[in-house]
Amino acid sequence: MPRRIIAEERKWLNSESARIVVFLVPFMYIGTAFLSVNYIGMSMSGFLKNQLMVHISFLTYQGDMGRYVQSQVYLKALAEECAAGAALYYEEEEFAEGRMVFDYEEGHKYVDYLLNKTTENMPLPKSSRITYTIHFEDDLQGYEEGLMEYEGTNQGHHWFGSDIASNPIM
């Protein structure tokens, strides 16, 4: 079949679908109201109230849940970006001597900058304030209890770092 014929057939089917919706849905709604009032024993005002109130409550719930999820995703991404950006600032002299020590002041400045920059775009009310506590774990401050520092060699490979569990290779 030529493309023009296929396109015309699709237009005809689409217009037929629109006509079915326009002419059939109102009769179906009136039929549902008739069945509800006559066979279920519902009053017409009760039927209309249920039609409006249930939908409004559902829409409100969905809107609130969507806003909550959007806010949660935004705050998690912002926290991750703040942590990753603050970790990029380290003391070069200490690093040259083999120690990892963060530049705390620059890390705090970066987090403050990022929070100030993103407050216009956050999905929270404009009067909201984001507060934070930042905890650096490095060779100067120490590491959280439960973290195990290890250094060793295994099968010719050298590794060094921190891990929550012991080294699985050992």
C-alpha atoms as a PDB file:
ATOM      1  CA  MET A   1       0.000   0.000   0.000  1.00  0.00           C
ATOM      2  CA  PRO A   2       1.260   3.472  -0.731  1.00  0.00           C
ATOM      3  CA  ARG A   3       2.201   5.621   2.238  1.00  0.00           C
ATOM      4  CA  ARG A   4      -0.497   8.167   1.512  1.00  0.00           C
ATOM      5  CA  ILE A   5      -3.227   5.550   1.786  1.00  0.00           C
ATOM      6  CA  ILE A   6      -1.806   4.278   5.087  1.00  0.00           C
ATOM      7  CA  ALA A   7      -1.625   7.828   6.460  1.00  0.00           C
ATOM      8  CA  GLU A   8      -5.239   8.525   5.428  1.00  0.00           C
ATOM      9  CA  GLU A   9      -6.374   5.274   7.028  1.00  0.00           C
ATOM     10  CA  ARG A  10      -4.623   6.221  10.294  1.00  0.00           C
ATOM     11  CA  LYS A  11      -6.293   9.641  10.278  1.00  0.00           C
ATOM     12  CA  TRP A  12      -9.676   7.992   9.755  1.00  0.00           C
ATOM     13  CA  LEU A  13      -9.086   5.517  12.615  1.00  0.00           C
ATOM     14  CA  ASN A  14      -7.940   8.314  14.922  1.00  0.00           C
ATOM     15  CA  SER A  15     -10.983  10.423  14.167  1.00  0.00           C
ATOM     16  CA  GLU A  16     -13.202   7.380  14.657  1.00  0.00           C
ATOM     17  CA  SER A  17     -11.617   6.787  18.099  1.00  0.00           C
ATOM     18  CA  ALA A  18     -12.224  10.404  19.051  1.00  0.00           C
ATOM     19  CA  ARG A  19     -15.866  10.115  17.983  1.00  0.00           C
ATOM     20  CA  ILE A  20     -16.312   6.968  20.085  1.00  0.00           C
ATOM     21  CA  VAL A  21     -14.938   8.771  23.138  1.00  0.00           C
ATOM     22  CA  VAL A  22     -17.051  11.876  22.562  1.00  0.00           C
ATOM     23  CA  PHE A  23     -20.312  10.017  21.978  1.00  0.00           C
ATOM     24  CA  LEU A  24     -19.893   6.907  24.138  1.00  0.00           C
ATOM     25  CA  VAL A  25     -18.318   8.169  27.392  1.00  0.00           C
ATOM     26  CA  PRO A  26     -21.167  10.529  28.392  1.00  0.00           C
ATOM     27  CA  PHE A  27     -23.718   7.729  27.963  1.00  0.00           C
ATOM     28  CA  MET A  28     -21.524   5.366  29.970  1.00  0.00           C
ATOM     29  CA  TYR A  29     -21.264   7.918  32.786  1.00  0.00           C
ATOM     30  CA  ILE A  30     -25.017   8.494  32.827  1.00  0.00           C
ATOM     31  CA  GLY A  31     -25.540   4.712  32.829  1.00  0.00           C
ATOM     32  CA  THR A  32     -23.175   4.308  35.781  1.00  0.00           C
ATOM     33  CA  ALA A  33     -25.034   7.010  37.695  1.00  0.00           C
ATOM     34  CA  PHE A  34     -28.377   5.332  36.882  1.00  0.00           C
ATOM     35  CA  LEU A  35     -27.137   1.920  38.054  1.00  0.00           C
ATOM     36  CA  SER A  36     -25.647   3.390  41.245  1.00  0.00           C
ATOM     37  CA  VAL A  37     -28.814   5.228  42.191  1.00  0.00           C
ATOM     38  CA  ASN A  38     -31.348   2.531  41.219  1.00  0.00           C
ATOM     39  CA  TYR A  39     -29.593  -0.743  42.023  1.00  0.00           C
ATOM     40  CA  ILE A  40     -27.011   0.091  44.713  1.00  0.00           C
ATOM     41  CA  GLY A  41     -29.313   2.474  46.557  1.00  0.00           C
ATOM     42  CA  MET A  42     -27.019   5.475  46.476  1.00  0.00           C
ATOM     43  CA  SER A  43     -28.472   8.968  46.351  1.00  0.00           C
ATOM     44  CA  MET A  44     -27.571  11.178  43.409  1.00  0.00           C
ATOM     45  CA  SER A  45     -25.906  13.721  45.743  1.00  0.00           C
ATOM     46  CA  GLY A  46     -23.930  10.883  47.376  1.00  0.00           C
ATOM     47  CA  PHE A  47     -22.869   9.628  43.945  1.00  0.00           C
ATOM     48  CA  LEU A  48     -21.661  13.079  42.865  1.00  0.00           C
ATOM     49  CA  LYS A  49     -19.943  13.651  46.221  1.00  0.00           C
ATOM     50  CA  ASN A  50     -18.062  10.362  45.900  1.00  0.00           C
ATOM     51  CA  GLN A  51     -17.122  11.166  42.319  1.00  0.00           C
ATOM     52  CA  LEU A  52     -15.594  14.529  43.259  1.00  0.00           C
ATOM     53  CA  MET A  53     -14.181  13.902  46.749  1.00  0.00           C
ATOM     54  CA  VAL A  54     -12.401  10.639  45.991  1.00  0.00           C
ATOM     55  CA  HIS A  55     -10.665  12.104  42.963  1.00  0.00           C
ATOM     56  CA  ILE A  56      -9.674  15.296  44.745  1.00  0.00           C
ATOM     57  CA  SER A  57      -8.299  13.380  47.732  1.00  0.00           C
ATOM     58  CA  PHE A  58      -6.400  11.026  45.452  1.00  0.00           C
ATOM     59  CA  LEU A  59      -4.956  13.885  43.423  1.00  0.00           C
ATOM     60  CA  THR A  60      -3.906  15.705  46.590  1.00  0.00           C
ATOM     61  CA  TYR A  61      -2.226  12.575  47.922  1.00  0.00           C
ATOM     62  CA  GLN A  62      -0.460  11.945  44.620  1.00  0.00           C
ATOM     63  CA  GLY A  63       0.700  15.566  44.431  1.00  0.00           C
ATOM     64  CA  ASP A  64       2.047  15.505  47.983  1.00  0.00           C
ATOM     65  CA  MET A  65       3.783  12.173  47.418  1.00  0.00           C
ATOM     66  CA  GLY A  66       5.317  13.412  44.178  1.00  0.00           C
ATOM     67  CA  ARG A  67       6.606  16.535  45.897  1.00  0.00           C
ATOM     68  CA  TYR A  68       8.043  14.443  48.748  1.00  0.00           C
ATOM     69  CA  VAL A  69       9.854  12.106  46.337  1.00  0.00           C
ATOM     70  CA  GLN A  70      11.137  15.051  44.309  1.00  0.00           C
ATOM     71  CA  SER A  71      12.422  16.776  47.463  1.00  0.00           C
ATOM     72  CA  GLN A  72      14.046  13.601  48.734  1.00  0.00           C
ATOM     73  CA  VAL A  73      15.843  12.949  45.441  1.00  0.00           C
ATOM     74  CA  TYR A  74      16.955  16.580  45.276  1.00  0.00           C
ATOM     75  CA  LEU A  75      18.332  16.588  48.832  1.00  0.00           C
ATOM     76  CA  LYS A  76      20.139  13.266  48.354  1.00  0.00           C
ATOM     77  CA  ALA A  77      21.763  14.487  45.146  1.00  0.00           C
ATOM     78  CA  LEU A  78      22.699  17.780  46.795  1.00  0.00           C
ATOM     79  CA  ALA A  79      24.242  15.989  49.794  1.00  0.00           C
ATOM     80  CA  GLU A  80      26.217  13.727  47.472  1.00  0.00           C
ATOM     81  CA  GLU A  81      27.436  16.699  45.437  1.00  0.00           C
ATOM     82  CA  CYS A  82      28.444  18.599  48.597  1.00  0.00           C
ATOM     83  CA  ALA A  83      30.345  15.616  49.987  1.00  0.00           C
ATOM     84  CA  ALA A  84      32.088  14.867  46.695  1.00  0.00           C
ATOM     85  CA  GLY A  85      33.010  18.515  46.125  1.00  0.00           C
ATOM     86  CA  ALA A  86      34.284  19.071  49.674  1.00  0.00           C
ATOM     87  CA  ALA A  87      36.433  15.941  49.381  1.00  0.00           C
ATOM     88  CA  LEU A  88      38.272  17.449  46.419  1.00  0.00           C
ATOM     89  CA  TYR A  89      39.935  20.038  48.653  1.00  0.00           C
ATOM     90  CA  TYR A  90      42.930  18.504  50.396  1.00  0.00           C
ATOM     91  CA  GLU A  91      46.214  19.689  51.846  1.00  0.00           C
ATOM     92  CA  GLU A  92      48.816  19.229  49.124  1.00  0.00           C
ATOM     93  CA  GLU A  93      51.801  19.212  51.494  1.00  0.00           C
ATOM     94  CA  GLU A  94      50.290  16.437  53.604  1.00  0.00           C
ATOM     95  CA  PHE A  95      49.354  14.498  50.483  1.00  0.00           C
ATOM     96  CA  ALA A  96      52.934  14.778  49.221  1.00  0.00           C
ATOM     97  CA  GLU A  97      54.065  13.141  52.468  1.00  0.00           C
ATOM     98  CA  GLY A  98      51.648  10.251  51.987  1.00  0.00           C
ATOM     99  CA  ARG A  99      48.832  11.405  54.265  1.00  0.00           C
ATOM    100  CA  MET A 100      45.307  12.281  53.241  1.00  0.00           C
ATOM    101  CA  VAL A 101      44.235  15.463  55.043  1.00  0.00           C
ATOM    102  CA  PHE A 102      41.321  17.555  53.833  1.00  0.00           C
ATOM    103  CA  ASP A 103      41.301  21.338  53.669  1.00  0.00           C
ATOM    104  CA  TYR A 104      38.369  21.819  56.039  1.00  0.00           C
ATOM    105  CA  GLU A 105      37.931  25.535  55.449  1.00  0.00           C
ATOM    106  CA  GLU A 106      37.761  25.186  51.667  1.00  0.00           C
ATOM    107  CA  GLY A 107      35.443  22.198  52.015  1.00  0.00           C
ATOM    108  CA  HIS A 108      33.037  24.248  54.136  1.00  0.00           C
ATOM    109  CA  LYS A 109      33.256  27.153  51.698  1.00  0.00           C
ATOM    110  CA  TYR A 110      32.362  24.842  48.809  1.00  0.00           C
ATOM    111  CA  VAL A 111      29.352  23.402  50.641  1.00  0.00           C
ATOM    112  CA  ASP A 112      28.135  26.898  51.589  1.00  0.00           C
ATOM    113  CA  TYR A 113      28.594  28.084  47.997  1.00  0.00           C
ATOM    114  CA  LEU A 114      26.699  25.108  46.601  1.00  0.00           C
ATOM    115  CA  LEU A 115      23.844  25.465  49.077  1.00  0.00           C
ATOM    116  CA  ASN A 116      23.505  29.194  48.363  1.00  0.00           C
ATOM    117  CA  LYS A 117      23.640  28.586  44.626  1.00  0.00           C
ATOM    118  CA  THR A 118      20.979  25.878  44.592  1.00  0.00           C
ATOM    119  CA  THR A 119      18.390  27.426  46.914  1.00  0.00           C
ATOM    120  CA  GLU A 120      16.589  29.059  43.977  1.00  0.00           C
ATOM    121  CA  ASN A 121      16.020  25.704  42.281  1.00  0.00           C
ATOM    122  CA  MET A 122      15.094  23.550  45.234  1.00  0.00           C
ATOM    123  CA  PRO A 123      11.619  21.964  45.248  1.00  0.00           C
ATOM    124  CA  LEU A 124      11.020  23.149  48.818  1.00  0.00           C
ATOM    125  CA  PRO A 125       9.280  26.327  49.986  1.00  0.00           C
ATOM    126  CA  LYS A 126      11.433  29.417  49.460  1.00  0.00           C
ATOM    127  CA  SER A 127      11.527  30.059  53.213  1.00  0.00           C
ATOM    128  CA  SER A 128      13.227  26.674  53.798  1.00  0.00           C
ATOM    129  CA  ARG A 129      16.776  26.632  55.075  1.00  0.00           C
ATOM    130  CA  ILE A 130      19.137  23.713  54.665  1.00  0.00           C
ATOM    131  CA  THR A 131      21.481  23.156  57.580  1.00  0.00           C
ATOM    132  CA  TYR A 132      24.290  20.650  57.553  1.00  0.00           C
ATOM    133  CA  THR A 133      26.904  19.000  59.666  1.00  0.00           C
ATOM    134  CA  ILE A 134      30.002  17.883  57.867  1.00  0.00           C
ATOM    135  CA  HIS A 135      32.343  15.256  59.248  1.00  0.00           C
ATOM    136  CA  PHE A 136      35.714  14.786  57.625  1.00  0.00           C
ATOM    137  CA  GLU A 137      37.495  11.475  58.072  1.00  0.00           C
ATOM    138  CA  ASP A 138      41.153  11.722  57.206  1.00  0.00           C
ATOM    139  CA  ASP A 139      44.571  10.913  58.613  1.00  0.00           C
ATOM    140  CA  LEU A 140      44.531  14.008  60.858  1.00  0.00           C
ATOM    141  CA  GLN A 141      40.998  13.694  62.316  1.00  0.00           C
ATOM    142  CA  GLY A 142      41.001   9.908  62.388  1.00  0.00           C
ATOM    143  CA  TYR A 143      38.457   7.465  61.134  1.00  0.00           C
ATOM    144  CA  GLU A 144      35.110   6.357  62.486  1.00  0.00           C
ATOM    145  CA  GLU A 145      35.204   3.378  64.804  1.00  0.00           C
ATOM    146  CA  GLY A 146      34.563   0.216  62.880  1.00  0.00           C
ATOM    147  CA  LEU A 147      36.652   1.277  59.925  1.00  0.00           C
ATOM    148  CA  MET A 148      39.735  -0.809  59.626  1.00  0.00           C
ATOM    149  CA  GLU A 149      42.906   0.591  58.168  1.00  0.00           C
ATOM    150  CA  TYR A 150      45.114  -1.889  56.454  1.00  0.00           C
ATOM    151  CA  GLU A 151      48.293  -1.973  54.505  1.00  0.00           C
ATOM    152  CA  GLY A 152      49.883  -5.000  53.011  1.00  0.00           C
ATOM    153  CA  THR A 153      50.827  -6.882  49.933  1.00  0.00           C
ATOM    154  CA  ASN A 154      49.136  -9.869  48.423  1.00  0.00           C
ATOM    155  CA  GLN A 155      50.427 -11.814  45.428  1.00  0.00           C
ATOM    156  CA  GLY A 156      52.648  -8.989  44.298  1.00  0.00           C
ATOM    157  CA  HIS A 157      49.938  -6.300  44.520  1.00  0.00           C
ATOM    158  CA  HIS A 158      50.222  -3.420  46.965  1.00  0.00           C
ATOM    159  CA  TRP A 159      47.045  -1.946  48.436  1.00  0.00           C
ATOM    160  CA  PHE A 160      46.285   0.639  51.074  1.00  0.00           C
ATOM    161  CA  GLY A 161      43.060   2.172  52.260  1.00  0.00           C
ATOM    162  CA  SER A 162      40.131   1.920  54.632  1.00  0.00           C
ATOM    163  CA  ASP A 163      37.360  -0.611  54.523  1.00  0.00           C
ATOM    164  CA  ILE A 164      34.409  -1.420  56.766  1.00  0.00           C
ATOM    165  CA  ALA A 165      35.109  -5.135  56.620  1.00  0.00           C
ATOM    166  CA  SER A 166      38.468  -6.778  56.736  1.00  0.00           C
ATOM    167  CA  ASN A 167      40.239  -7.313  53.449  1.00  0.00           C
ATOM    168  CA  PRO A 168      38.543 -10.235  51.676  1.00  0.00           C
ATOM    169  CA  ILE A 169      41.825 -11.179  49.971  1.00  0.00           C
ATOM    170  CA  MET A 170      43.667 -11.831  53.239  1.00  0.00           C
END
